[in-house]
């Protein structure tokens, strides 16, 4: 028996991965909303092979696009997933048996993060978890362009679910590099718009500390070369984010 749950996904050019998600949620819902913002790689044709509510619309930034997609759902209880995520059988069973009687409860879900098919158990991504299941009458996404958050009143109750969201973060190193650069530049712009500046310490020391923390302190080296790659990529992300932020302020100061 399926609960009154809607699965909501935003995507663009995810033909290589989104079918894993669609297959994993078939048993928990009669309403899958896929909000596509301009796919040209066959994603639309693949998604249309499944029983989904496919909506094609404009990109508004991560937060605002997710917020809009949530409003298109049939049910108030929302499982918000990205196209490169899916759910395991234990989480599926949990969702099908939840009573769903208290809209002020949001659910924190453990994540398993992968590089290719390698599960990263340590480092930055080990022990990862996020709130992704909620009632839209009580909470929804903010309008942040990147690193969006759910906004809810102070009387919220957070409960943990069993099972995992499976996050297949990238298909290869080229894809990984592209995402890292995209997120770093977007986050630098976000910091700039919020008036945050980049110090010498942030530009020169933070990347090295990031690598040391994730690879050594958090035992990322035990995940093999994938753990090393993840730590190096996060260090590069940190460097690029704060270097770009410094550049944006230099450009503004040179005009004034």
Protein backbone atom coordinates (compact mmCIF):
# COMPACT_ATOMS: atom_id res chain seq x y z
CA UNK A 1 0.00 0.00 0.00
CA UNK A 2 1.29 3.43 -0.95
CA UNK A 3 1.28 6.39 1.42
CA UNK A 4 0.11 9.83 0.29
CA UNK A 5 3.62 10.89 -0.68
CA UNK A 6 4.80 12.88 -3.68
CA UNK A 7 8.35 12.48 -4.97
CA UNK A 8 9.67 15.74 -6.42
CA UNK A 9 12.77 15.96 -8.63
CA UNK A 10 14.39 18.77 -10.60
CA UNK A 11 16.69 17.82 -13.45
CA UNK A 12 18.53 18.76 -16.62
CA UNK A 13 20.42 16.34 -18.88
CA UNK A 14 20.33 13.40 -16.46
CA UNK A 15 19.57 10.56 -18.91
CA UNK A 16 22.57 8.60 -17.60
CA UNK A 17 21.31 8.40 -14.00
CA UNK A 18 17.66 9.40 -13.46
CA UNK A 19 16.20 5.98 -14.30
CA UNK A 20 17.78 4.57 -11.13
CA UNK A 21 15.76 7.09 -9.13
CA UNK A 22 12.50 6.44 -10.99
CA UNK A 23 12.75 2.69 -10.44
CA UNK A 24 13.53 3.08 -6.74
CA UNK A 25 10.41 5.13 -5.88
CA UNK A 26 7.77 3.26 -7.88
CA UNK A 27 6.51 1.37 -4.82
CA UNK A 28 6.08 4.35 -2.48
CA UNK A 29 4.04 6.85 -4.50
CA UNK A 30 1.43 7.45 -7.15
CA UNK A 31 2.82 10.93 -7.83
CA UNK A 32 6.32 11.56 -9.18
CA UNK A 33 6.91 15.18 -10.26
CA UNK A 34 9.89 15.69 -12.56
CA UNK A 35 10.61 19.37 -13.25
CA UNK A 36 12.93 19.56 -16.23
CA UNK A 37 14.67 22.83 -17.08
CA UNK A 38 15.95 22.27 -20.58
CA UNK A 39 17.22 18.72 -21.12
CA UNK A 40 18.54 17.95 -24.61
CA UNK A 41 20.16 14.54 -24.00
CA UNK A 42 17.16 12.20 -24.04
CA UNK A 43 16.12 12.72 -20.41
CA UNK A 44 12.61 13.79 -21.38
CA UNK A 45 12.08 10.75 -23.60
CA UNK A 46 13.31 8.41 -20.84
CA UNK A 47 11.19 10.01 -18.12
CA UNK A 48 8.09 9.78 -20.32
CA UNK A 49 8.41 5.99 -20.29
CA UNK A 50 7.39 6.11 -16.62
CA UNK A 51 4.15 7.20 -14.96
CA UNK A 52 5.27 10.69 -13.94
CA UNK A 53 4.07 14.27 -14.00
CA UNK A 54 6.72 15.79 -16.27
CA UNK A 55 6.83 19.57 -16.23
CA UNK A 56 9.19 21.61 -18.39
CA UNK A 57 10.02 25.03 -17.04
CA UNK A 58 12.70 27.66 -16.57
CA UNK A 59 15.67 27.52 -14.22
CA UNK A 60 15.20 29.87 -11.24
CA UNK A 61 18.17 28.82 -9.13
CA UNK A 62 18.28 25.72 -6.93
CA UNK A 63 16.04 26.93 -4.11
CA UNK A 64 13.37 28.70 -6.14
CA UNK A 65 13.21 25.89 -8.72
CA UNK A 66 12.75 23.25 -6.02
CA UNK A 67 10.12 25.42 -4.34
CA UNK A 68 8.18 25.75 -7.57
CA UNK A 69 8.40 22.02 -8.28
CA UNK A 70 7.01 21.23 -4.82
CA UNK A 71 3.90 23.33 -5.55
CA UNK A 72 3.13 21.04 -8.51
CA UNK A 73 2.84 17.90 -6.36
CA UNK A 74 -0.42 16.04 -5.74
CA UNK A 75 0.20 15.33 -2.04
CA UNK A 76 1.40 17.51 0.83
CA UNK A 77 4.06 15.08 2.04
CA UNK A 78 7.12 15.61 -0.13
CA UNK A 79 10.19 13.45 -0.67
CA UNK A 80 12.61 15.82 -2.37
CA UNK A 81 15.34 14.08 -4.37
CA UNK A 82 17.97 15.07 -6.92
CA UNK A 83 18.23 13.24 -10.22
CA UNK A 84 21.45 11.49 -9.15
CA UNK A 85 19.83 10.08 -6.00
CA UNK A 86 17.67 7.03 -5.29
CA UNK A 87 16.38 5.21 -2.20
CA UNK A 88 17.18 1.79 -0.83
CA UNK A 89 14.64 -0.88 0.18
CA UNK A 90 14.84 -0.10 3.89
CA UNK A 91 13.98 3.56 3.35
CA UNK A 92 11.21 2.55 0.94
CA UNK A 93 9.67 0.36 3.65
CA UNK A 94 9.95 3.15 6.22
CA UNK A 95 8.16 5.64 3.99
CA UNK A 96 5.35 3.25 3.18
CA UNK A 97 4.62 2.64 6.87
CA UNK A 98 4.91 6.14 8.35
CA UNK A 99 1.65 7.42 9.95
CA UNK A 100 2.10 10.95 8.49
CA UNK A 101 -0.21 12.57 11.05
CA UNK A 102 1.90 15.53 12.21
CA UNK A 103 2.74 18.15 9.56
CA UNK A 104 5.25 19.86 11.88
CA UNK A 105 7.55 16.82 11.74
CA UNK A 106 10.40 16.81 9.22
CA UNK A 107 12.47 13.71 8.57
CA UNK A 108 16.25 13.47 8.52
CA UNK A 109 17.52 10.74 6.17
CA UNK A 110 20.98 9.12 6.18
CA UNK A 111 22.89 9.31 2.88
CA UNK A 112 25.33 6.97 1.20
CA UNK A 113 27.52 8.91 -1.23
CA UNK A 114 29.24 7.26 -4.18
CA UNK A 115 31.97 8.06 -6.67
CA UNK A 116 31.03 5.80 -9.53
CA UNK A 117 29.94 2.62 -7.71
CA UNK A 118 32.31 3.21 -4.77
CA UNK A 119 30.57 3.98 -1.48
CA UNK A 120 32.56 6.60 0.43
CA UNK A 121 32.25 5.58 4.07
CA UNK A 122 34.62 8.18 5.53
CA UNK A 123 35.98 11.64 4.83
CA UNK A 124 33.67 14.53 4.06
CA UNK A 125 30.86 12.30 2.82
CA UNK A 126 30.92 9.64 5.51
CA UNK A 127 27.94 9.83 7.90
CA UNK A 128 26.13 12.30 5.64
CA UNK A 129 22.44 13.05 6.28
CA UNK A 130 19.85 15.62 5.18
CA UNK A 131 16.24 16.58 5.81
CA UNK A 132 14.46 15.63 2.59
CA UNK A 133 10.99 14.48 3.69
CA UNK A 134 8.53 17.11 4.88
CA UNK A 135 4.99 18.46 4.68
CA UNK A 136 4.74 21.41 2.29
CA UNK A 137 1.97 23.05 4.34
CA UNK A 138 4.57 23.55 7.05
CA UNK A 139 7.89 23.99 5.24
CA UNK A 140 9.41 24.49 1.81
CA UNK A 141 12.67 25.50 0.16
CA UNK A 142 14.02 29.03 0.36
CA UNK A 143 15.00 30.93 -2.79
CA UNK A 144 18.80 30.58 -2.46
CA UNK A 145 20.54 30.24 -5.82
CA UNK A 146 22.80 27.52 -4.38
CA UNK A 147 23.05 25.61 -1.08
CA UNK A 148 19.31 25.95 -0.63
CA UNK A 149 17.70 25.22 2.74
CA UNK A 150 14.29 24.25 4.04
CA UNK A 151 12.61 27.00 6.03
CA UNK A 152 10.32 26.01 8.89
CA UNK A 153 8.88 27.50 12.10
CA UNK A 154 10.70 27.03 15.43
CA UNK A 155 8.25 24.40 16.72
CA UNK A 156 9.45 21.83 14.18
CA UNK A 157 10.23 18.31 15.32
CA UNK A 158 13.04 16.44 13.55
CA UNK A 159 12.85 12.66 13.39
CA UNK A 160 15.30 10.25 11.82
CA UNK A 161 14.39 7.58 9.28
CA UNK A 162 16.00 4.20 8.72
CA UNK A 163 17.45 3.32 5.35
CA UNK A 164 19.40 5.57 2.99
CA UNK A 165 19.25 7.93 0.09
CA UNK A 166 21.87 6.67 -2.37
CA UNK A 167 23.72 9.61 -3.92
CA UNK A 168 25.68 8.81 -7.08
CA UNK A 169 27.40 12.14 -7.19
CA UNK A 170 29.23 11.88 -10.53
CA UNK A 171 29.63 9.55 -13.49
CA UNK A 172 33.35 10.27 -14.06
CA UNK A 173 36.09 12.74 -13.15
CA UNK A 174 35.15 15.09 -15.99
CA UNK A 175 31.60 15.32 -14.63
CA UNK A 176 32.94 15.75 -11.09
CA UNK A 177 35.24 18.59 -12.16
CA UNK A 178 32.46 20.40 -14.00
CA UNK A 179 30.18 20.26 -10.96
CA UNK A 180 32.92 21.43 -8.59
CA UNK A 181 33.67 24.49 -10.73
CA UNK A 182 29.98 25.30 -11.17
CA UNK A 183 29.21 25.10 -7.44
CA UNK A 184 32.33 27.04 -6.44
CA UNK A 185 31.56 29.93 -8.77
CA UNK A 186 27.89 30.03 -7.78
CA UNK A 187 28.75 30.01 -4.09
CA UNK A 188 31.34 32.76 -4.56
CA UNK A 189 28.66 34.90 -6.17
CA UNK A 190 26.27 34.13 -3.31
CA UNK A 191 28.88 35.20 -0.74
CA UNK A 192 29.63 38.37 -2.71
CA UNK A 193 25.96 39.34 -2.90
CA UNK A 194 25.69 38.80 0.86
CA UNK A 195 28.65 41.10 1.50
CA UNK A 196 31.04 38.37 2.61
CA UNK A 197 34.73 38.89 1.84
CA UNK A 198 37.63 36.54 1.21
CA UNK A 199 40.58 36.84 3.58
CA UNK A 200 44.18 35.79 2.91
CA UNK A 201 43.68 32.88 5.30
CA UNK A 202 40.60 31.68 3.40
CA UNK A 203 42.41 31.75 0.05
CA UNK A 204 45.74 30.28 1.10
CA UNK A 205 45.17 28.10 4.16
CA UNK A 206 41.56 26.91 3.98
CA UNK A 207 42.11 24.60 0.95
CA UNK A 208 45.03 22.83 2.66
CA UNK A 209 43.13 22.53 5.93
CA UNK A 210 40.13 21.12 4.04
CA UNK A 211 42.25 18.38 2.47
CA UNK A 212 43.99 17.57 5.78
CA UNK A 213 40.67 17.39 7.63
CA UNK A 214 38.80 15.21 5.14
CA UNK A 215 41.63 12.95 4.03
CA UNK A 216 43.50 12.41 7.32
CA UNK A 217 41.39 13.48 10.31
CA UNK A 218 38.16 11.99 8.91
CA UNK A 219 40.03 8.97 7.50
CA UNK A 220 39.22 9.57 3.86
CA UNK A 221 42.41 7.72 2.92
CA UNK A 222 40.70 4.46 3.94
CA UNK A 223 38.37 4.87 0.92
CA UNK A 224 41.26 4.37 -1.50
CA UNK A 225 41.87 6.58 -4.50
CA UNK A 226 38.23 7.69 -4.47
CA UNK A 227 38.71 9.07 -0.96
CA UNK A 228 41.82 10.91 -2.13
CA UNK A 229 39.97 12.31 -5.17
CA UNK A 230 37.07 13.50 -3.02
CA UNK A 231 39.40 15.28 -0.57
CA UNK A 232 41.39 16.91 -3.38
CA UNK A 233 38.25 18.04 -5.17
CA UNK A 234 36.83 19.62 -2.01
CA UNK A 235 40.12 21.41 -1.42
CA UNK A 236 40.02 22.73 -5.00
CA UNK A 237 36.40 23.81 -4.52
CA UNK A 238 37.42 25.75 -1.41
CA UNK A 239 40.33 27.41 -3.23
CA UNK A 240 38.26 28.37 -6.27
CA UNK A 241 35.35 29.68 -4.21
CA UNK A 242 37.43 32.08 -2.12
CA UNK A 243 39.71 33.10 -5.00
CA UNK A 244 36.70 33.98 -7.14
CA UNK A 245 35.13 35.86 -4.23
CA UNK A 246 38.34 37.89 -3.83
CA UNK A 247 38.30 38.61 -7.56
CA UNK A 248 34.71 39.85 -7.47
CA UNK A 249 35.54 42.31 -4.70
CA UNK A 250 38.64 43.51 -6.57
CA UNK A 251 36.54 44.15 -9.65
CA UNK A 252 33.99 46.10 -7.65
CA UNK A 253 36.64 48.13 -5.77
CA UNK A 254 38.38 49.05 -9.02
CA UNK A 255 35.14 50.61 -10.31
CA UNK A 256 34.43 52.63 -7.15
